[in-house]
């Protein structure tokens, strides 16, 4: 497998087409020149609902195609997870809305797939990462509706492939505090709802495929976006988690390379140091464990810190993306060892064709961790990964 390595544009403001254009003609070209030289650079795109609406205008769509062609940018993967504004405002749990219970999520995803099929290089497959169902506290009783909406979207992707020749794969991204958190429960949902005999029959009914053709089409068009940060926060075992997916027949259409915060032992000093990561924009789920005991989950860093000395002695994993080249964060560390192991396993047996560095939290990182320009940090991340893939 010849993997494609890029970074995700959700690190930049991409709320409007103007902002997407500015990212493509600014920092993306700096990174392209630093990593690809005179060659083509695969770009990890991100279009909000508003940017997608802007691109309905024929002149905007033509300009996007011209930029990609002229600037040697390959549109092979897109982050279809955040629908709304993703920078400079409170995002938190709203990042999941609209979710897969809602028709608006289906419509947005299908339109995004249509755009990607139009701009993808000839002969390339496209991965489209998306929300894991919905926020955990809203999921009860909605399993069948969520599965139906995923399958309706797969039916659209089947028709899109037939019309354009481009295969778009929906990549569901498990995340703490969501309907699908752990790899085990995600694989279970796939087995029961998305790759089952009943799913093949439903896809056949939604298309004109035979049941056997539908069964083959399902894993081609739906699978996983394995976010390494999320898996590390969940205390997953790298090899075991991949084995679970393979046994269940769940393909990994995108591998997001990211690192979280790891506090081996909570103390007063680590709690004080963590306060600088407690910011109001993104959700920073915390999963804790004392010794070999059970995992405990909190939806954000603020309520975790509010426990005070009661938490001392626990190990914490915190959903806060930090640059992948960092391990020592002062009073604690990152989950970079987990990422190192995933990359080692990928070298032995490729996990996914699309590898994407995703450190979207650059603007809210504590100042002490932003010691270089964003573009230089992105280059440093990509080079760090490239060295480990050699």
Foldseek 3Di string as FASTA:
>chain_A
DAFAEEAAPLLFWAQALVRQVCCLPPLVLVLCCLPVNPAAHEYAAEHAQRNLVNCVPVVSLVVVLVSCVVSRYADAEYELAARHTQPDDAPAQVRQPPHLLDPVSLVSVLSVVLSSLVRHPPPGEHEYEYEQGHFQVPCPPCLQSSLVSVLLSLLSQVVSCVVRVYRYAYAYEAAPRHVHQALLVVLVSCDVRQLDLVSLVVSCVSHVDDSVVSNVSRLSHYAHAYELLSNVQVVHQLVVSLVSCVVSVGAHAEYEQWKWWKAQWDDPVVLVVCVLLQDRHYWKKKWKDADPDDIDIDGHDVVVSVVPPVRGRIMMTIPATAQLVWADPDNGGMPNVSSLVNLVVCLVPNRHNYYYYYNSCVVSPRPVRCPDDPSVSSSVSSVVSVVSND
